[in-house]
């Protein structure tokens, strides 16, 4: 069927991920350094993401696309918890989508999920689904009893990107591990699984306000040192995928082609 749906101008898109904040439906992801529409089914064509794009890279077009499916959207939305559900319902109400709103509420009731008060003025923390409060409960009691204490594998200091010296000798011929600040806390076996025999760099692509400087510093490391490989470890929340974007920009600036492995950690502490 032909309907309104978003279109992303890849030449303008910087891969910042800001558009995902305005899309609680989950239709957008940053992949290979660019925002992508991952499913026609999830995009309602109302364009809430347009106002969040600083590069003016998103517009609405009318084209052949799969019909928007509110049930499929809700199956995706509920995974994000109460605040994401609330954002989606509020989005539908503000755009006058009464039919979709009723379908969404019906889905929640059919699945015994409480319908939040979406008319409250309670935005997502920091405007980001990844900042949503969660109480994480683990059930791996047996594995905890058998847990062993391992030696730390950290081989360089400092580790925060702002503090690192691109000329540091430990970078020569190094295998780099570039990790989000939160990842080592979420993944219990971080040292043995990811850090062993690697030089560590940590940063937060959302809260650190020096992203352009980070690109420049990483590019300088890539240019000056014979980096053998790069591993990226980040959380599953949308803003965290900005690390891959940052690394790709730095490689492009340094005109280097270095193997990159990308690992995603769930909030529950598993490798996705």
C-alpha atoms as a PDB file:
ATOM      1  CA  UNK A   1       0.000   0.000   0.000  1.00  0.00           C
ATOM      2  CA  UNK A   2       1.075   3.612  -0.535  1.00  0.00           C
ATOM      3  CA  UNK A   3       1.319   5.719   2.615  1.00  0.00           C
ATOM      4  CA  UNK A   4       3.350   8.412   4.405  1.00  0.00           C
ATOM      5  CA  UNK A   5       6.606   7.146   5.882  1.00  0.00           C
ATOM      6  CA  UNK A   6       9.921   8.723   6.854  1.00  0.00           C
ATOM      7  CA  UNK A   7      12.884   9.019   4.518  1.00  0.00           C
ATOM      8  CA  UNK A   8      16.464   9.499   5.767  1.00  0.00           C
ATOM      9  CA  UNK A   9      19.007  11.447   3.742  1.00  0.00           C
ATOM     10  CA  UNK A  10      22.198   9.445   4.321  1.00  0.00           C
ATOM     11  CA  UNK A  11      24.437  12.252   3.083  1.00  0.00           C
ATOM     12  CA  UNK A  12      23.091  14.608   5.765  1.00  0.00           C
ATOM     13  CA  UNK A  13      22.785  12.020   8.545  1.00  0.00           C
ATOM     14  CA  UNK A  14      25.638  12.179  11.069  1.00  0.00           C
ATOM     15  CA  UNK A  15      24.548   9.075  12.960  1.00  0.00           C
ATOM     16  CA  UNK A  16      24.076  11.002  16.213  1.00  0.00           C
ATOM     17  CA  UNK A  17      20.982   8.962  17.153  1.00  0.00           C
ATOM     18  CA  UNK A  18      18.923  11.965  18.278  1.00  0.00           C
ATOM     19  CA  UNK A  19      16.012  10.825  16.090  1.00  0.00           C
ATOM     20  CA  UNK A  20      15.600   7.663  18.160  1.00  0.00           C
ATOM     21  CA  UNK A  21      14.555   9.736  21.168  1.00  0.00           C
ATOM     22  CA  UNK A  22      11.434  10.819  19.270  1.00  0.00           C
ATOM     23  CA  UNK A  23      10.635   7.281  18.145  1.00  0.00           C
ATOM     24  CA  UNK A  24       9.427   5.143  21.065  1.00  0.00           C
ATOM     25  CA  UNK A  25       7.978   2.776  18.455  1.00  0.00           C
ATOM     26  CA  UNK A  26      11.510   1.476  17.765  1.00  0.00           C
ATOM     27  CA  UNK A  27      11.445   2.040  14.004  1.00  0.00           C
ATOM     28  CA  UNK A  28      14.915   3.640  13.982  1.00  0.00           C
ATOM     29  CA  UNK A  29      18.387   2.340  14.778  1.00  0.00           C
ATOM     30  CA  UNK A  30      21.906   3.617  14.126  1.00  0.00           C
ATOM     31  CA  UNK A  31      23.618   1.024  11.919  1.00  0.00           C
ATOM     32  CA  UNK A  32      27.034   1.480  10.285  1.00  0.00           C
ATOM     33  CA  UNK A  33      27.124   5.098  11.379  1.00  0.00           C
ATOM     34  CA  UNK A  34      23.763   6.117   9.908  1.00  0.00           C
ATOM     35  CA  UNK A  35      20.186   6.228  11.179  1.00  0.00           C
ATOM     36  CA  UNK A  36      18.149   3.516   9.480  1.00  0.00           C
ATOM     37  CA  UNK A  37      14.446   2.733   9.261  1.00  0.00           C
ATOM     38  CA  UNK A  38      14.522  -0.886  10.401  1.00  0.00           C
ATOM     39  CA  UNK A  39      10.879  -1.717   9.746  1.00  0.00           C
ATOM     40  CA  UNK A  40       8.062  -0.130   7.770  1.00  0.00           C
ATOM     41  CA  UNK A  41       5.680  -1.868  10.193  1.00  0.00           C
ATOM     42  CA  UNK A  42       6.938   0.280  13.096  1.00  0.00           C
ATOM     43  CA  UNK A  43       6.904   3.676  11.349  1.00  0.00           C
ATOM     44  CA  UNK A  44       3.591   5.501  11.637  1.00  0.00           C
ATOM     45  CA  UNK A  45       4.689   8.274   9.255  1.00  0.00           C
ATOM     46  CA  UNK A  46       3.773  11.050  11.703  1.00  0.00           C
ATOM     47  CA  UNK A  47       7.332  12.397  11.758  1.00  0.00           C
ATOM     48  CA  UNK A  48       7.969  12.912  15.478  1.00  0.00           C
ATOM     49  CA  UNK A  49      11.628  12.079  14.814  1.00  0.00           C
ATOM     50  CA  UNK A  50      12.018  15.015  12.405  1.00  0.00           C
ATOM     51  CA  UNK A  51      12.047  17.571  15.209  1.00  0.00           C
ATOM     52  CA  UNK A  52      14.890  15.745  16.968  1.00  0.00           C
ATOM     53  CA  UNK A  53      17.209  15.613  13.934  1.00  0.00           C
ATOM     54  CA  UNK A  54      19.878  18.372  14.142  1.00  0.00           C
ATOM     55  CA  UNK A  55      21.017  17.739  10.560  1.00  0.00           C
ATOM     56  CA  UNK A  56      17.607  18.119   8.881  1.00  0.00           C
ATOM     57  CA  UNK A  57      18.170  14.650   7.431  1.00  0.00           C
ATOM     58  CA  UNK A  58      14.626  13.284   7.821  1.00  0.00           C
ATOM     59  CA  UNK A  59      11.515  14.022   5.798  1.00  0.00           C
ATOM     60  CA  UNK A  60       8.137  12.453   5.104  1.00  0.00           C
ATOM     61  CA  UNK A  61       7.516  10.836   1.743  1.00  0.00           C
ATOM     62  CA  UNK A  62       4.591   8.943   0.273  1.00  0.00           C
ATOM     63  CA  UNK A  63       5.657   5.549  -1.059  1.00  0.00           C
ATOM     64  CA  UNK A  64       4.771   1.884  -1.174  1.00  0.00           C
ATOM     65  CA  UNK A  65       5.303   0.475   2.319  1.00  0.00           C
ATOM     66  CA  UNK A  66       4.017  -2.257   4.586  1.00  0.00           C
ATOM     67  CA  UNK A  67       0.945  -1.122   6.529  1.00  0.00           C
ATOM     68  CA  UNK A  68       1.681   0.246   9.981  1.00  0.00           C
ATOM     69  CA  UNK A  69       0.890  -2.498  12.510  1.00  0.00           C
ATOM     70  CA  UNK A  70       0.013  -1.237  16.013  1.00  0.00           C
ATOM     71  CA  UNK A  71       0.113  -4.743  17.489  1.00  0.00           C
ATOM     72  CA  UNK A  72       3.640  -5.341  16.199  1.00  0.00           C
ATOM     73  CA  UNK A  73       4.655  -1.916  17.486  1.00  0.00           C
ATOM     74  CA  UNK A  74       3.254  -2.636  20.951  1.00  0.00           C
ATOM     75  CA  UNK A  75       5.099  -5.965  21.109  1.00  0.00           C
ATOM     76  CA  UNK A  76       8.250  -3.915  20.617  1.00  0.00           C
ATOM     77  CA  UNK A  77       7.267  -0.973  22.835  1.00  0.00           C
ATOM     78  CA  UNK A  78       6.417  -2.989  25.961  1.00  0.00           C
ATOM     79  CA  UNK A  79       9.968  -4.342  26.077  1.00  0.00           C
ATOM     80  CA  UNK A  80      11.094  -0.838  27.024  1.00  0.00           C
ATOM     81  CA  UNK A  81       8.932  -0.626  30.139  1.00  0.00           C
ATOM     82  CA  UNK A  82       6.395   1.826  31.500  1.00  0.00           C
ATOM     83  CA  UNK A  83       8.020   5.086  30.388  1.00  0.00           C
ATOM     84  CA  UNK A  84       8.387   3.950  26.781  1.00  0.00           C
ATOM     85  CA  UNK A  85       4.759   2.736  26.747  1.00  0.00           C
ATOM     86  CA  UNK A  86       3.680   6.103  28.122  1.00  0.00           C
ATOM     87  CA  UNK A  87       5.701   7.973  25.480  1.00  0.00           C
ATOM     88  CA  UNK A  88       4.114   5.934  22.697  1.00  0.00           C
ATOM     89  CA  UNK A  89       0.537   6.419  23.948  1.00  0.00           C
ATOM     90  CA  UNK A  90       1.122  10.137  24.414  1.00  0.00           C
ATOM     91  CA  UNK A  91       2.581  10.335  20.903  1.00  0.00           C
ATOM     92  CA  UNK A  92      -0.553   8.742  19.415  1.00  0.00           C
ATOM     93  CA  UNK A  93      -2.883  10.995  21.392  1.00  0.00           C
ATOM     94  CA  UNK A  94      -1.031  14.207  20.468  1.00  0.00           C
ATOM     95  CA  UNK A  95      -1.263  13.290  16.766  1.00  0.00           C
ATOM     96  CA  UNK A  96      -4.956  12.474  16.938  1.00  0.00           C
ATOM     97  CA  UNK A  97      -4.450   8.779  16.171  1.00  0.00           C
ATOM     98  CA  UNK A  98      -7.495   7.600  18.133  1.00  0.00           C
ATOM     99  CA  UNK A  99      -7.793   4.238  16.372  1.00  0.00           C
ATOM    100  CA  UNK A 100      -4.147   3.311  16.994  1.00  0.00           C
ATOM    101  CA  UNK A 101      -4.402   4.593  20.579  1.00  0.00           C
ATOM    102  CA  UNK A 102      -7.403   2.368  21.226  1.00  0.00           C
ATOM    103  CA  UNK A 103      -5.609  -0.598  19.659  1.00  0.00           C
ATOM    104  CA  UNK A 104      -2.567   0.026  21.857  1.00  0.00           C
ATOM    105  CA  UNK A 105      -4.645   0.231  25.030  1.00  0.00           C
ATOM    106  CA  UNK A 106      -6.550  -2.913  24.027  1.00  0.00           C
ATOM    107  CA  UNK A 107      -3.209  -4.712  23.522  1.00  0.00           C
ATOM    108  CA  UNK A 108      -2.082  -3.726  27.027  1.00  0.00           C
ATOM    109  CA  UNK A 109      -5.328  -4.906  28.608  1.00  0.00           C
ATOM    110  CA  UNK A 110      -5.315  -8.178  26.663  1.00  0.00           C
ATOM    111  CA  UNK A 111      -1.801  -8.867  27.955  1.00  0.00           C
ATOM    112  CA  UNK A 112      -2.536  -7.835  31.561  1.00  0.00           C
ATOM    113  CA  UNK A 113      -0.210  -4.846  31.358  1.00  0.00           C
ATOM    114  CA  UNK A 114      -1.215  -1.750  33.308  1.00  0.00           C
ATOM    115  CA  UNK A 115      -2.153   1.227  31.137  1.00  0.00           C
ATOM    116  CA  UNK A 116       0.000   4.144  32.373  1.00  0.00           C
ATOM    117  CA  UNK A 117      -1.340   7.680  32.746  1.00  0.00           C
ATOM    118  CA  UNK A 118       0.035   8.917  29.428  1.00  0.00           C
ATOM    119  CA  UNK A 119      -1.516  12.346  29.849  1.00  0.00           C
ATOM    120  CA  UNK A 120       0.842  13.149  32.737  1.00  0.00           C
ATOM    121  CA  UNK A 121       3.694  15.537  31.958  1.00  0.00           C
ATOM    122  CA  UNK A 122       6.428  13.101  32.927  1.00  0.00           C
ATOM    123  CA  UNK A 123       9.012  12.851  30.149  1.00  0.00           C
ATOM    124  CA  UNK A 124      11.590  10.119  29.947  1.00  0.00           C
ATOM    125  CA  UNK A 125      14.616  10.710  32.152  1.00  0.00           C
ATOM    126  CA  UNK A 126      17.097  12.734  30.104  1.00  0.00           C
ATOM    127  CA  UNK A 127      14.709  12.278  27.145  1.00  0.00           C
ATOM    128  CA  UNK A 128      16.170   8.856  26.484  1.00  0.00           C
ATOM    129  CA  UNK A 129      14.579   5.385  26.762  1.00  0.00           C
ATOM    130  CA  UNK A 130      17.982   4.115  27.930  1.00  0.00           C
ATOM    131  CA  UNK A 131      17.708   6.252  31.089  1.00  0.00           C
ATOM    132  CA  UNK A 132      14.509   4.545  32.204  1.00  0.00           C
ATOM    133  CA  UNK A 133      14.627   3.323  35.806  1.00  0.00           C
ATOM    134  CA  UNK A 134      14.665  -0.455  36.168  1.00  0.00           C
ATOM    135  CA  UNK A 135      14.943  -2.890  39.049  1.00  0.00           C
ATOM    136  CA  UNK A 136      17.125  -5.742  37.785  1.00  0.00           C
ATOM    137  CA  UNK A 137      16.599  -9.133  39.384  1.00  0.00           C
ATOM    138  CA  UNK A 138      19.031 -11.980  38.676  1.00  0.00           C
ATOM    139  CA  UNK A 139      18.151 -15.619  39.213  1.00  0.00           C
ATOM    140  CA  UNK A 140      21.596 -17.174  38.716  1.00  0.00           C
ATOM    141  CA  UNK A 141      22.067 -18.129  42.382  1.00  0.00           C
ATOM    142  CA  UNK A 142      23.827 -21.432  41.641  1.00  0.00           C
ATOM    143  CA  UNK A 143      26.431 -19.807  39.398  1.00  0.00           C
ATOM    144  CA  UNK A 144      27.029 -17.163  42.066  1.00  0.00           C
ATOM    145  CA  UNK A 145      27.863 -19.840  44.641  1.00  0.00           C
ATOM    146  CA  UNK A 146      30.474 -21.281  42.301  1.00  0.00           C
ATOM    147  CA  UNK A 147      31.921 -17.895  41.341  1.00  0.00           C
ATOM    148  CA  UNK A 148      35.678 -17.513  41.480  1.00  0.00           C
ATOM    149  CA  UNK A 149      37.822 -14.445  42.013  1.00  0.00           C
ATOM    150  CA  UNK A 150      40.019 -13.806  38.976  1.00  0.00           C
ATOM    151  CA  UNK A 151      42.996 -11.517  38.551  1.00  0.00           C
ATOM    152  CA  UNK A 152      42.355  -8.108  37.011  1.00  0.00           C
ATOM    153  CA  UNK A 153      43.361  -7.854  33.347  1.00  0.00           C
ATOM    154  CA  UNK A 154      43.786  -4.061  33.168  1.00  0.00           C
ATOM    155  CA  UNK A 155      47.141  -3.246  31.543  1.00  0.00           C
ATOM    156  CA  UNK A 156      47.018   0.546  31.055  1.00  0.00           C
ATOM    157  CA  UNK A 157      46.217   3.674  33.052  1.00  0.00           C
ATOM    158  CA  UNK A 158      44.458   6.060  32.649  1.00  0.00           C
ATOM    159  CA  UNK A 159      41.553   4.537  30.759  1.00  0.00           C
ATOM    160  CA  UNK A 160      39.138   7.470  30.202  1.00  0.00           C
ATOM    161  CA  UNK A 161      39.532   8.806  26.671  1.00  0.00           C
ATOM    162  CA  UNK A 162      39.796  12.448  27.771  1.00  0.00           C
ATOM    163  CA  UNK A 163      42.867  11.585  29.861  1.00  0.00           C
ATOM    164  CA  UNK A 164      44.688   9.357  27.384  1.00  0.00           C
ATOM    165  CA  UNK A 165      47.894  10.365  25.599  1.00  0.00           C
ATOM    166  CA  UNK A 166      47.895   9.235  21.930  1.00  0.00           C
ATOM    167  CA  UNK A 167      51.694   8.855  22.170  1.00  0.00           C
ATOM    168  CA  UNK A 168      51.534   6.447  25.126  1.00  0.00           C
ATOM    169  CA  UNK A 169      53.827   3.449  24.445  1.00  0.00           C
ATOM    170  CA  UNK A 170      51.173   0.878  25.382  1.00  0.00           C
ATOM    171  CA  UNK A 171      49.221   1.804  22.233  1.00  0.00           C
ATOM    172  CA  UNK A 172      51.954   0.493  19.891  1.00  0.00           C
ATOM    173  CA  UNK A 173      50.761  -2.658  18.099  1.00  0.00           C
ATOM    174  CA  UNK A 174      47.845  -2.831  20.533  1.00  0.00           C
ATOM    175  CA  UNK A 175      44.520  -4.588  20.409  1.00  0.00           C
ATOM    176  CA  UNK A 176      42.094  -1.904  21.613  1.00  0.00           C
ATOM    177  CA  UNK A 177      38.981  -2.381  23.709  1.00  0.00           C
ATOM    178  CA  UNK A 178      36.724   0.684  23.478  1.00  0.00           C
ATOM    179  CA  UNK A 179      33.941   0.322  26.031  1.00  0.00           C
ATOM    180  CA  UNK A 180      30.966   2.272  27.312  1.00  0.00           C
ATOM    181  CA  UNK A 181      31.340   3.355  30.933  1.00  0.00           C
ATOM    182  CA  UNK A 182      28.432   1.150  32.052  1.00  0.00           C
ATOM    183  CA  UNK A 183      29.433  -2.076  30.294  1.00  0.00           C
ATOM    184  CA  UNK A 184      31.965  -3.404  32.855  1.00  0.00           C
ATOM    185  CA  UNK A 185      29.336  -3.068  35.596  1.00  0.00           C
ATOM    186  CA  UNK A 186      26.625  -4.837  33.619  1.00  0.00           C
ATOM    187  CA  UNK A 187      28.758  -7.747  32.381  1.00  0.00           C
ATOM    188  CA  UNK A 188      30.224  -9.688  35.302  1.00  0.00           C
ATOM    189  CA  UNK A 189      32.999 -11.428  33.365  1.00  0.00           C
ATOM    190  CA  UNK A 190      34.187  -8.270  31.605  1.00  0.00           C
ATOM    191  CA  UNK A 191      37.901  -8.664  32.424  1.00  0.00           C
ATOM    192  CA  UNK A 192      38.255 -12.262  31.291  1.00  0.00           C
ATOM    193  CA  UNK A 193      35.862 -12.103  28.320  1.00  0.00           C
ATOM    194  CA  UNK A 194      36.832  -8.755  26.807  1.00  0.00           C
ATOM    195  CA  UNK A 195      39.792  -7.040  28.506  1.00  0.00           C
ATOM    196  CA  UNK A 196      42.480  -9.718  28.579  1.00  0.00           C
ATOM    197  CA  UNK A 197      45.531  -8.696  26.474  1.00  0.00           C
ATOM    198  CA  UNK A 198      43.862  -5.459  25.334  1.00  0.00           C
ATOM    199  CA  UNK A 199      44.400  -1.753  25.955  1.00  0.00           C
ATOM    200  CA  UNK A 200      41.251  -0.217  27.437  1.00  0.00           C
ATOM    201  CA  UNK A 201      39.544   3.048  26.455  1.00  0.00           C
ATOM    202  CA  UNK A 202      36.263   4.036  28.122  1.00  0.00           C
ATOM    203  CA  UNK A 203      33.758   6.804  27.366  1.00  0.00           C
ATOM    204  CA  UNK A 204      30.066   7.652  27.410  1.00  0.00           C
ATOM    205  CA  UNK A 205      28.679   8.702  23.994  1.00  0.00           C
ATOM    206  CA  UNK A 206      25.644  10.342  25.626  1.00  0.00           C
ATOM    207  CA  UNK A 207      26.949  12.237  28.659  1.00  0.00           C
ATOM    208  CA  UNK A 208      30.478  13.159  27.564  1.00  0.00           C
ATOM    209  CA  UNK A 209      30.229  16.535  25.831  1.00  0.00           C
ATOM    210  CA  UNK A 210      33.465  16.334  23.811  1.00  0.00           C
ATOM    211  CA  UNK A 211      32.504  13.892  21.062  1.00  0.00           C
ATOM    212  CA  UNK A 212      34.290  15.816  18.296  1.00  0.00           C
ATOM    213  CA  UNK A 213      37.422  15.863  20.433  1.00  0.00           C
ATOM    214  CA  UNK A 214      37.024  12.118  20.953  1.00  0.00           C
ATOM    215  CA  UNK A 215      36.957  11.585  17.195  1.00  0.00           C
ATOM    216  CA  UNK A 216      40.127  13.660  16.824  1.00  0.00           C
ATOM    217  CA  UNK A 217      41.942  11.840  19.629  1.00  0.00           C
ATOM    218  CA  UNK A 218      41.009   8.372  18.396  1.00  0.00           C
ATOM    219  CA  UNK A 219      42.020   9.343  14.866  1.00  0.00           C
ATOM    220  CA  UNK A 220      45.384  10.482  16.226  1.00  0.00           C
ATOM    221  CA  UNK A 221      45.862   7.148  18.011  1.00  0.00           C
ATOM    222  CA  UNK A 222      44.941   5.260  14.841  1.00  0.00           C
ATOM    223  CA  UNK A 223      47.351   7.385  12.774  1.00  0.00           C
ATOM    224  CA  UNK A 224      50.356   7.262  15.112  1.00  0.00           C
ATOM    225  CA  UNK A 225      50.158   3.707  16.426  1.00  0.00           C
ATOM    226  CA  UNK A 226      49.999   0.403  14.579  1.00  0.00           C
ATOM    227  CA  UNK A 227      46.678  -0.689  16.063  1.00  0.00           C
ATOM    228  CA  UNK A 228      46.020  -4.346  15.282  1.00  0.00           C
ATOM    229  CA  UNK A 229      42.326  -4.597  16.124  1.00  0.00           C
ATOM    230  CA  UNK A 230      39.444  -2.787  17.802  1.00  0.00           C
ATOM    231  CA  UNK A 231      36.723  -4.326  19.964  1.00  0.00           C
ATOM    232  CA  UNK A 232      33.721  -2.231  20.987  1.00  0.00           C
ATOM    233  CA  UNK A 233      31.573  -3.154  23.995  1.00  0.00           C
ATOM    234  CA  UNK A 234      28.450  -1.079  24.620  1.00  0.00           C
ATOM    235  CA  UNK A 235      25.049  -1.390  26.252  1.00  0.00           C
ATOM    236  CA  UNK A 236      21.832  -2.241  24.413  1.00  0.00           C
ATOM    237  CA  UNK A 237      20.285   1.218  25.000  1.00  0.00           C
ATOM    238  CA  UNK A 238      20.032   3.297  21.775  1.00  0.00           C
ATOM    239  CA  UNK A 239      22.365   6.152  22.754  1.00  0.00           C
ATOM    240  CA  UNK A 240      25.191   3.702  23.508  1.00  0.00           C
ATOM    241  CA  UNK A 241      25.444   2.672  19.847  1.00  0.00           C
ATOM    242  CA  UNK A 242      27.055   6.085  19.344  1.00  0.00           C
ATOM    243  CA  UNK A 243      30.402   4.487  20.241  1.00  0.00           C
ATOM    244  CA  UNK A 244      30.431   2.595  16.947  1.00  0.00           C
ATOM    245  CA  UNK A 245      29.604   5.807  15.084  1.00  0.00           C
ATOM    246  CA  UNK A 246      32.431   7.629  16.839  1.00  0.00           C
ATOM    247  CA  UNK A 247      34.963   4.887  16.055  1.00  0.00           C
ATOM    248  CA  UNK A 248      33.915   4.729  12.395  1.00  0.00           C
ATOM    249  CA  UNK A 249      34.295   8.510  12.061  1.00  0.00           C
ATOM    250  CA  UNK A 250      37.762   8.355  13.620  1.00  0.00           C
ATOM    251  CA  UNK A 251      38.851   5.538  11.293  1.00  0.00           C
ATOM    252  CA  UNK A 252      37.618   7.516   8.318  1.00  0.00           C
ATOM    253  CA  UNK A 253      39.466  10.625   9.466  1.00  0.00           C
ATOM    254  CA  UNK A 254      42.662   8.642  10.043  1.00  0.00           C
ATOM    255  CA  UNK A 255      42.202   6.885   6.687  1.00  0.00           C
ATOM    256  CA  UNK A 256      42.726   3.558   8.393  1.00  0.00           C
ATOM    257  CA  UNK A 257      41.118   0.177   7.778  1.00  0.00           C
ATOM    258  CA  UNK A 258      41.250  -1.711  11.076  1.00  0.00           C
ATOM    259  CA  UNK A 259      39.173  -4.748  11.971  1.00  0.00           C
ATOM    260  CA  UNK A 260      36.344  -3.840  14.367  1.00  0.00           C
ATOM    261  CA  UNK A 261      34.316  -6.271  16.487  1.00  0.00           C
ATOM    262  CA  UNK A 262      31.143  -4.905  18.070  1.00  0.00           C
ATOM    263  CA  UNK A 263      29.567  -6.480  21.185  1.00  0.00           C
ATOM    264  CA  UNK A 264      26.268  -5.451  22.787  1.00  0.00           C
ATOM    265  CA  UNK A 265      25.489  -6.078  26.461  1.00  0.00           C
ATOM    266  CA  UNK A 266      21.919  -6.300  27.722  1.00  0.00           C
ATOM    267  CA  UNK A 267      20.871  -4.425  30.858  1.00  0.00           C
ATOM    268  CA  UNK A 268      20.427  -7.853  32.412  1.00  0.00           C
ATOM    269  CA  UNK A 269      24.112  -8.602  31.871  1.00  0.00           C
ATOM    270  CA  UNK A 270      24.116 -10.899  28.853  1.00  0.00           C
ATOM    271  CA  UNK A 271      25.904 -10.645  25.487  1.00  0.00           C
ATOM    272  CA  UNK A 272      23.259 -10.037  22.829  1.00  0.00           C
END
